[in-house]
Amino acid sequence: MEKAINLKSVFYQLIFAGLVLLFLGLLTGVFASAFANPRMGLSSHIEGILNGLFLIAMGLIWHKLELKPRWLSIGFWLLIYGSYANWLATLLSGVFNAGKMFTIVPTGLNGSMFIEGVISFLLISLSLAMLLGVMIVMSGAYNGMKTKA
């Protein structure tokens, strides 16, 4: 019974987190043209919307995953972190005209060393978080497929 309650709670948490990120993405789109780098503002707008929809989709399938509660929790937090960090990294890049790790930022336009470090950290850590999070979800889906077949 406890697992059912937790899964229902995570269902709502993922969907709510996705809706908040979707809203932040839409809000970013309203102000994207005022950013120091409007192209990265547009990228942040798109990242917010797509990652918000991704979290909503994860919430809708979460109850189908066959994993131990610990792995479900790890996957949950990795996906939340990766989705929000993706939006934040592109937002910071647009606001501060930084992000030398992005190929979309023109050469020679770099932000302060601190901002570049924050953006680089976010990009590297979110990449690892999303890869691991999706691998955990794939594993849970595969386990569910095996047990239901």
N, C-alpha and C. Protein backbone atom coordinates (compact mmCIF):
# COMPACT_ATOMS: atom_id res chain seq x y z
N MET A 1 0.82 -1.20 0.00
CA MET A 1 0.00 0.00 0.00
C MET A 1 0.86 1.26 0.00
N GLU A 2 1.98 1.21 0.72
CA GLU A 2 2.86 2.38 0.80
C GLU A 2 3.44 2.72 -0.56
N LYS A 3 3.79 1.68 -1.36
CA LYS A 3 4.35 1.93 -2.69
C LYS A 3 3.33 2.64 -3.57
N ALA A 4 2.05 2.25 -3.49
CA ALA A 4 1.01 2.88 -4.29
C ALA A 4 0.87 4.37 -3.93
N ILE A 5 0.93 4.66 -2.63
CA ILE A 5 0.83 6.06 -2.19
C ILE A 5 2.02 6.86 -2.71
N ASN A 6 3.22 6.30 -2.58
CA ASN A 6 4.41 6.99 -3.06
C ASN A 6 4.36 7.21 -4.56
N LEU A 7 3.92 6.22 -5.32
CA LEU A 7 3.85 6.36 -6.77
C LEU A 7 2.85 7.43 -7.16
N LYS A 8 1.72 7.49 -6.46
CA LYS A 8 0.73 8.52 -6.75
C LYS A 8 1.28 9.90 -6.41
N SER A 9 2.01 9.99 -5.32
CA SER A 9 2.63 11.26 -4.93
C SER A 9 3.65 11.70 -5.97
N VAL A 10 4.49 10.78 -6.43
CA VAL A 10 5.50 11.11 -7.44
C VAL A 10 4.82 11.49 -8.75
N PHE A 11 3.74 10.82 -9.08
CA PHE A 11 2.96 11.15 -10.27
C PHE A 11 2.60 12.64 -10.27
N TYR A 12 2.04 13.10 -9.15
CA TYR A 12 1.65 14.50 -9.04
C TYR A 12 2.86 15.43 -8.97
N GLN A 13 3.91 15.01 -8.28
CA GLN A 13 5.10 15.84 -8.16
C GLN A 13 5.77 16.06 -9.52
N LEU A 14 5.88 14.99 -10.30
CA LEU A 14 6.49 15.13 -11.63
C LEU A 14 5.63 15.99 -12.54
N ILE A 15 4.34 15.78 -12.51
CA ILE A 15 3.46 16.58 -13.37
C ILE A 15 3.48 18.04 -12.93
N PHE A 16 3.45 18.30 -11.63
CA PHE A 16 3.49 19.69 -11.15
C PHE A 16 4.83 20.34 -11.50
N ALA A 17 5.93 19.62 -11.28
CA ALA A 17 7.25 20.16 -11.63
C ALA A 17 7.33 20.44 -13.13
N GLY A 18 6.74 19.58 -13.94
CA GLY A 18 6.71 19.80 -15.38
C GLY A 18 5.88 21.02 -15.76
N LEU A 19 4.75 21.19 -15.10
CA LEU A 19 3.90 22.36 -15.38
C LEU A 19 4.59 23.66 -14.98
N VAL A 20 5.29 23.63 -13.84
CA VAL A 20 6.03 24.83 -13.41
C VAL A 20 7.12 25.17 -14.42
N LEU A 21 7.86 24.15 -14.86
CA LEU A 21 8.92 24.40 -15.84
C LEU A 21 8.34 24.85 -17.18
N LEU A 22 7.23 24.29 -17.57
CA LEU A 22 6.55 24.73 -18.79
C LEU A 22 6.16 26.20 -18.67
N PHE A 23 5.62 26.58 -17.53
CA PHE A 23 5.27 27.99 -17.29
C PHE A 23 6.50 28.88 -17.33
N LEU A 24 7.59 28.46 -16.69
CA LEU A 24 8.83 29.24 -16.72
C LEU A 24 9.35 29.39 -18.14
N GLY A 25 9.22 28.33 -18.94
CA GLY A 25 9.63 28.39 -20.34
C GLY A 25 8.78 29.39 -21.12
N LEU A 26 7.48 29.39 -20.88
CA LEU A 26 6.61 30.36 -21.54
C LEU A 26 6.94 31.78 -21.11
N LEU A 27 7.17 31.97 -19.82
CA LEU A 27 7.53 33.27 -19.30
C LEU A 27 8.86 33.75 -19.88
N THR A 28 9.80 32.85 -20.01
CA THR A 28 11.09 33.18 -20.61
C THR A 28 10.90 33.67 -22.04
N GLY A 29 9.98 33.06 -22.76
CA GLY A 29 9.72 33.46 -24.14
C GLY A 29 9.21 34.89 -24.24
N VAL A 30 8.46 35.33 -23.24
CA VAL A 30 7.94 36.70 -23.24
C VAL A 30 9.07 37.72 -23.17
N PHE A 31 10.12 37.39 -22.42
CA PHE A 31 11.22 38.34 -22.20
C PHE A 31 12.47 38.02 -23.01
N ALA A 32 12.44 37.00 -23.84
CA ALA A 32 13.65 36.55 -24.55
C ALA A 32 14.27 37.66 -25.40
N SER A 33 13.47 38.49 -26.01
CA SER A 33 14.02 39.53 -26.89
C SER A 33 14.76 40.61 -26.11
N ALA A 34 14.55 40.70 -24.80
CA ALA A 34 15.23 41.69 -23.98
C ALA A 34 16.56 41.18 -23.42
N PHE A 35 16.88 39.90 -23.64
CA PHE A 35 18.11 39.34 -23.11
C PHE A 35 19.32 39.89 -23.85
N ALA A 36 20.49 39.82 -23.21
CA ALA A 36 21.74 40.24 -23.86
C ALA A 36 21.99 39.43 -25.12
N ASN A 37 21.58 38.15 -25.10
CA ASN A 37 21.67 37.29 -26.28
C ASN A 37 20.27 36.71 -26.51
N PRO A 38 19.47 37.37 -27.36
CA PRO A 38 18.09 36.91 -27.57
C PRO A 38 17.99 35.49 -28.14
N ARG A 39 18.99 35.08 -28.88
CA ARG A 39 18.96 33.72 -29.43
C ARG A 39 19.03 32.68 -28.31
N MET A 40 19.86 32.95 -27.30
CA MET A 40 19.92 32.03 -26.16
C MET A 40 18.66 32.17 -25.30
N GLY A 41 18.05 33.35 -25.30
CA GLY A 41 16.77 33.52 -24.62
C GLY A 41 15.71 32.63 -25.26
N LEU A 42 15.72 32.58 -26.59
CA LEU A 42 14.79 31.70 -27.31
C LEU A 42 15.10 30.24 -27.00
N SER A 43 16.38 29.91 -26.92
CA SER A 43 16.77 28.54 -26.56
C SER A 43 16.27 28.18 -25.17
N SER A 44 16.37 29.11 -24.23
CA SER A 44 15.89 28.87 -22.88
C SER A 44 14.37 28.68 -22.87
N HIS A 45 13.68 29.46 -23.65
CA HIS A 45 12.22 29.33 -23.81
C HIS A 45 11.87 27.92 -24.28
N ILE A 46 12.56 27.46 -25.31
CA ILE A 46 12.29 26.13 -25.87
C ILE A 46 12.67 25.04 -24.88
N GLU A 47 13.82 25.20 -24.19
CA GLU A 47 14.24 24.20 -23.20
C GLU A 47 13.22 24.08 -22.07
N GLY A 48 12.71 25.20 -21.61
CA GLY A 48 11.71 25.17 -20.55
C GLY A 48 10.46 24.42 -20.97
N ILE A 49 10.00 24.70 -22.17
CA ILE A 49 8.78 24.03 -22.67
C ILE A 49 9.02 22.54 -22.87
N LEU A 50 10.10 22.19 -23.56
CA LEU A 50 10.35 20.78 -23.86
C LEU A 50 10.67 19.97 -22.60
N ASN A 51 11.47 20.53 -21.70
CA ASN A 51 11.78 19.80 -20.48
C ASN A 51 10.56 19.71 -19.56
N GLY A 52 9.70 20.72 -19.59
CA GLY A 52 8.45 20.64 -18.84
C GLY A 52 7.57 19.51 -19.36
N LEU A 53 7.44 19.43 -20.67
CA LEU A 53 6.66 18.34 -21.27
C LEU A 53 7.29 16.98 -20.98
N PHE A 54 8.62 16.94 -20.97
CA PHE A 54 9.32 15.69 -20.65
C PHE A 54 8.98 15.23 -19.23
N LEU A 55 9.00 16.15 -18.27
CA LEU A 55 8.67 15.78 -16.88
C LEU A 55 7.22 15.34 -16.76
N ILE A 56 6.32 15.99 -17.48
CA ILE A 56 4.91 15.57 -17.47
C ILE A 56 4.80 14.16 -18.02
N ALA A 57 5.48 13.87 -19.12
CA ALA A 57 5.45 12.52 -19.70
C ALA A 57 6.02 11.49 -18.72
N MET A 58 7.09 11.85 -18.02
CA MET A 58 7.66 10.93 -17.03
C MET A 58 6.66 10.66 -15.90
N GLY A 59 5.95 11.70 -15.49
CA GLY A 59 4.94 11.52 -14.45
C GLY A 59 3.84 10.57 -14.89
N LEU A 60 3.48 10.63 -16.16
CA LEU A 60 2.40 9.78 -16.66
C LEU A 60 2.78 8.31 -16.76
N ILE A 61 4.08 8.03 -16.92
CA ILE A 61 4.49 6.62 -17.03
C ILE A 61 5.13 6.09 -15.75
N TRP A 62 5.33 6.94 -14.75
CA TRP A 62 6.10 6.56 -13.57
C TRP A 62 5.54 5.32 -12.87
N HIS A 63 4.24 5.20 -12.82
CA HIS A 63 3.62 4.06 -12.12
C HIS A 63 3.86 2.73 -12.84
N LYS A 64 4.30 2.78 -14.08
CA LYS A 64 4.56 1.56 -14.85
C LYS A 64 5.98 1.02 -14.66
N LEU A 65 6.83 1.80 -14.02
CA LEU A 65 8.23 1.40 -13.86
C LEU A 65 8.36 0.37 -12.75
N GLU A 66 9.11 -0.68 -13.02
CA GLU A 66 9.35 -1.74 -12.04
C GLU A 66 10.77 -1.60 -11.52
N LEU A 67 10.90 -0.83 -10.44
CA LEU A 67 12.20 -0.59 -9.81
C LEU A 67 12.02 -0.54 -8.30
N LYS A 68 13.12 -0.75 -7.60
CA LYS A 68 13.09 -0.59 -6.15
C LYS A 68 12.87 0.89 -5.83
N PRO A 69 12.23 1.19 -4.71
CA PRO A 69 11.95 2.58 -4.35
C PRO A 69 13.18 3.49 -4.36
N ARG A 70 14.31 2.96 -3.96
CA ARG A 70 15.54 3.77 -3.96
C ARG A 70 15.90 4.23 -5.37
N TRP A 71 15.80 3.32 -6.36
CA TRP A 71 16.12 3.68 -7.75
C TRP A 71 15.08 4.64 -8.32
N LEU A 72 13.82 4.46 -7.92
CA LEU A 72 12.79 5.41 -8.36
C LEU A 72 13.09 6.81 -7.83
N SER A 73 13.52 6.88 -6.59
CA SER A 73 13.85 8.17 -5.99
C SER A 73 15.07 8.81 -6.68
N ILE A 74 16.09 8.02 -6.91
CA ILE A 74 17.28 8.54 -7.60
C ILE A 74 16.91 9.04 -8.99
N GLY A 75 16.15 8.25 -9.72
CA GLY A 75 15.73 8.65 -11.07
C GLY A 75 14.89 9.92 -11.06
N PHE A 76 14.00 10.01 -10.09
CA PHE A 76 13.14 11.20 -9.94
C PHE A 76 14.00 12.45 -9.79
N TRP A 77 14.94 12.44 -8.85
CA TRP A 77 15.73 13.64 -8.57
C TRP A 77 16.70 13.95 -9.70
N LEU A 78 17.23 12.94 -10.37
CA LEU A 78 18.11 13.20 -11.51
C LEU A 78 17.35 13.89 -12.64
N LEU A 79 16.13 13.43 -12.92
CA LEU A 79 15.34 14.03 -14.00
C LEU A 79 14.89 15.45 -13.64
N ILE A 80 14.51 15.66 -12.39
CA ILE A 80 14.12 17.01 -11.96
C ILE A 80 15.31 17.95 -12.10
N TYR A 81 16.45 17.54 -11.54
CA TYR A 81 17.64 18.40 -11.60
C TYR A 81 18.03 18.68 -13.05
N GLY A 82 18.13 17.64 -13.85
CA GLY A 82 18.57 17.81 -15.24
C GLY A 82 17.66 18.72 -16.04
N SER A 83 16.37 18.59 -15.84
CA SER A 83 15.41 19.41 -16.60
C SER A 83 15.50 20.88 -16.21
N TYR A 84 15.54 21.15 -14.92
CA TYR A 84 15.62 22.54 -14.48
C TYR A 84 16.99 23.15 -14.76
N ALA A 85 18.05 22.36 -14.61
CA ALA A 85 19.40 22.87 -14.88
C ALA A 85 19.55 23.23 -16.36
N ASN A 86 18.91 22.48 -17.23
CA ASN A 86 18.97 22.76 -18.66
C ASN A 86 18.35 24.12 -18.97
N TRP A 87 17.19 24.36 -18.40
CA TRP A 87 16.53 25.66 -18.59
C TRP A 87 17.38 26.78 -17.99
N LEU A 88 17.89 26.56 -16.78
CA LEU A 88 18.66 27.60 -16.09
C LEU A 88 19.97 27.92 -16.82
N ALA A 89 20.66 26.92 -17.32
CA ALA A 89 21.92 27.15 -18.03
C ALA A 89 21.69 28.01 -19.27
N THR A 90 20.65 27.71 -20.03
CA THR A 90 20.39 28.51 -21.23
C THR A 90 19.87 29.89 -20.86
N LEU A 91 19.12 29.99 -19.76
CA LEU A 91 18.65 31.29 -19.30
C LEU A 91 19.83 32.18 -18.90
N LEU A 92 20.75 31.66 -18.11
CA LEU A 92 21.92 32.43 -17.70
C LEU A 92 22.76 32.84 -18.91
N SER A 93 22.87 31.95 -19.86
CA SER A 93 23.62 32.26 -21.07
C SER A 93 22.98 33.41 -21.84
N GLY A 94 21.67 33.41 -21.91
CA GLY A 94 20.97 34.49 -22.60
C GLY A 94 21.05 35.82 -21.87
N VAL A 95 20.90 35.77 -20.56
CA VAL A 95 20.91 37.00 -19.76
C VAL A 95 22.29 37.64 -19.74
N PHE A 96 23.33 36.81 -19.58
CA PHE A 96 24.69 37.33 -19.43
C PHE A 96 25.53 37.25 -20.70
N ASN A 97 24.92 36.83 -21.80
CA ASN A 97 25.64 36.68 -23.07
C ASN A 97 26.89 35.84 -22.86
N ALA A 98 26.72 34.73 -22.18
CA ALA A 98 27.83 33.86 -21.82
C ALA A 98 27.55 32.45 -22.32
N GLY A 99 28.40 31.53 -21.94
CA GLY A 99 28.19 30.14 -22.30
C GLY A 99 29.05 29.69 -23.45
N LYS A 100 30.36 29.79 -23.27
CA LYS A 100 31.26 29.42 -24.36
C LYS A 100 31.15 27.94 -24.72
N MET A 101 30.52 27.13 -23.85
CA MET A 101 30.33 25.71 -24.17
C MET A 101 29.19 25.52 -25.18
N PHE A 102 28.33 26.52 -25.32
CA PHE A 102 27.24 26.44 -26.31
C PHE A 102 27.79 26.78 -27.70
N THR A 103 27.40 26.03 -28.69
CA THR A 103 27.85 26.34 -30.05
C THR A 103 27.05 27.49 -30.65
N ILE A 104 25.93 27.84 -30.06
CA ILE A 104 25.07 28.87 -30.60
C ILE A 104 25.52 30.28 -30.20
N VAL A 105 26.39 30.38 -29.18
CA VAL A 105 26.89 31.68 -28.73
C VAL A 105 28.03 32.11 -29.66
N PRO A 106 27.98 33.33 -30.21
CA PRO A 106 29.05 33.77 -31.11
C PRO A 106 30.42 33.74 -30.44
N THR A 107 31.43 33.40 -31.22
CA THR A 107 32.79 33.35 -30.72
C THR A 107 33.23 34.71 -30.19
N GLY A 108 33.93 34.71 -29.08
CA GLY A 108 34.43 35.94 -28.50
C GLY A 108 33.48 36.61 -27.52
N LEU A 109 32.25 36.14 -27.44
CA LEU A 109 31.30 36.72 -26.49
C LEU A 109 31.20 35.79 -25.28
N ASN A 110 32.01 36.09 -24.28
CA ASN A 110 32.02 35.28 -23.07
C ASN A 110 31.64 36.14 -21.89
N GLY A 111 31.01 35.52 -20.91
CA GLY A 111 30.66 36.22 -19.69
C GLY A 111 31.82 36.20 -18.71
N SER A 112 31.55 36.62 -17.50
CA SER A 112 32.59 36.60 -16.47
C SER A 112 33.00 35.15 -16.20
N MET A 113 34.17 35.02 -15.61
CA MET A 113 34.68 33.69 -15.31
C MET A 113 33.72 32.92 -14.40
N PHE A 114 33.11 33.61 -13.45
CA PHE A 114 32.16 32.97 -12.54
C PHE A 114 30.95 32.44 -13.29
N ILE A 115 30.34 33.29 -14.11
CA ILE A 115 29.14 32.87 -14.87
C ILE A 115 29.48 31.73 -15.82
N GLU A 116 30.61 31.83 -16.50
CA GLU A 116 31.03 30.75 -17.40
C GLU A 116 31.20 29.44 -16.63
N GLY A 117 31.77 29.54 -15.41
CA GLY A 117 31.95 28.35 -14.58
C GLY A 117 30.62 27.74 -14.16
N VAL A 118 29.67 28.60 -13.78
CA VAL A 118 28.34 28.12 -13.38
C VAL A 118 27.66 27.43 -14.56
N ILE A 119 27.70 28.07 -15.72
CA ILE A 119 27.04 27.49 -16.90
C ILE A 119 27.71 26.18 -17.30
N SER A 120 29.03 26.15 -17.29
CA SER A 120 29.75 24.91 -17.63
C SER A 120 29.41 23.80 -16.66
N PHE A 121 29.38 24.12 -15.36
CA PHE A 121 29.01 23.11 -14.36
C PHE A 121 27.60 22.59 -14.62
N LEU A 122 26.66 23.50 -14.86
CA LEU A 122 25.28 23.09 -15.11
C LEU A 122 25.19 22.18 -16.33
N LEU A 123 25.88 22.56 -17.41
CA LEU A 123 25.80 21.77 -18.64
C LEU A 123 26.38 20.36 -18.47
N ILE A 124 27.52 20.29 -17.81
CA ILE A 124 28.14 18.97 -17.62
C ILE A 124 27.32 18.12 -16.66
N SER A 125 26.91 18.71 -15.54
CA SER A 125 26.16 17.93 -14.55
C SER A 125 24.78 17.55 -15.05
N LEU A 126 24.12 18.43 -15.79
CA LEU A 126 22.79 18.07 -16.30
C LEU A 126 22.88 16.98 -17.35
N SER A 127 23.94 16.98 -18.13
CA SER A 127 24.11 15.92 -19.13
C SER A 127 24.23 14.56 -18.45
N LEU A 128 25.05 14.51 -17.42
CA LEU A 128 25.21 13.25 -16.67
C LEU A 128 23.91 12.86 -15.97
N ALA A 129 23.24 13.84 -15.37
CA ALA A 129 21.98 13.57 -14.66
C ALA A 129 20.92 13.03 -15.61
N MET A 130 20.78 13.65 -16.77
CA MET A 130 19.74 13.21 -17.71
C MET A 130 20.06 11.83 -18.29
N LEU A 131 21.34 11.60 -18.59
CA LEU A 131 21.71 10.28 -19.11
C LEU A 131 21.42 9.19 -18.08
N LEU A 132 21.84 9.40 -16.85
CA LEU A 132 21.59 8.41 -15.80
C LEU A 132 20.11 8.28 -15.48
N GLY A 133 19.41 9.41 -15.42
CA GLY A 133 17.97 9.37 -15.14
C GLY A 133 17.19 8.61 -16.19
N VAL A 134 17.50 8.86 -17.45
CA VAL A 134 16.79 8.16 -18.53
C VAL A 134 17.18 6.68 -18.54
N MET A 135 18.43 6.37 -18.22
CA MET A 135 18.83 4.95 -18.13
C MET A 135 18.04 4.24 -17.03
N ILE A 136 17.83 4.90 -15.91
CA ILE A 136 17.04 4.31 -14.83
C ILE A 136 15.60 4.09 -15.28
N VAL A 137 15.02 5.08 -15.95
CA VAL A 137 13.64 4.93 -16.46
C VAL A 137 13.57 3.80 -17.48
N MET A 138 14.55 3.73 -18.37
CA MET A 138 14.57 2.64 -19.35
C MET A 138 14.66 1.27 -18.67
N SER A 139 15.47 1.20 -17.63
CA SER A 139 15.60 -0.05 -16.88
C SER A 139 14.28 -0.44 -16.23
N GLY A 140 13.61 0.54 -15.63
CA GLY A 140 12.31 0.28 -15.01
C GLY A 140 11.26 -0.13 -16.02
N ALA A 141 11.28 0.49 -17.20
CA ALA A 141 10.33 0.12 -18.25
C ALA A 141 10.63 -1.28 -18.77
N TYR A 142 11.90 -1.59 -18.91
CA TYR A 142 12.28 -2.93 -19.37
C TYR A 142 11.86 -3.99 -18.36
N ASN A 143 12.12 -3.71 -17.07
CA ASN A 143 11.70 -4.66 -16.03
C ASN A 143 10.19 -4.84 -16.03
N GLY A 144 9.46 -3.76 -16.22
CA GLY A 144 8.00 -3.85 -16.30
C GLY A 144 7.55 -4.65 -17.50
N MET A 145 8.24 -4.47 -18.60
CA MET A 145 7.91 -5.21 -19.83
C MET A 145 8.15 -6.71 -19.62
N LYS A 146 9.24 -7.06 -18.95
CA LYS A 146 9.56 -8.46 -18.69
C LYS A 146 8.55 -9.12 -17.77
N THR A 147 8.14 -8.41 -16.72
CA THR A 147 7.22 -9.01 -15.75
C THR A 147 5.80 -9.10 -16.29
N LYS A 148 5.43 -8.22 -17.20
CA LYS A 148 4.06 -8.23 -17.75
C LYS A 148 3.92 -9.18 -18.94
N ALA A 149 5.05 -9.57 -19.52
CA ALA A 149 4.99 -10.44 -20.72
C ALA A 149 4.80 -11.88 -20.35
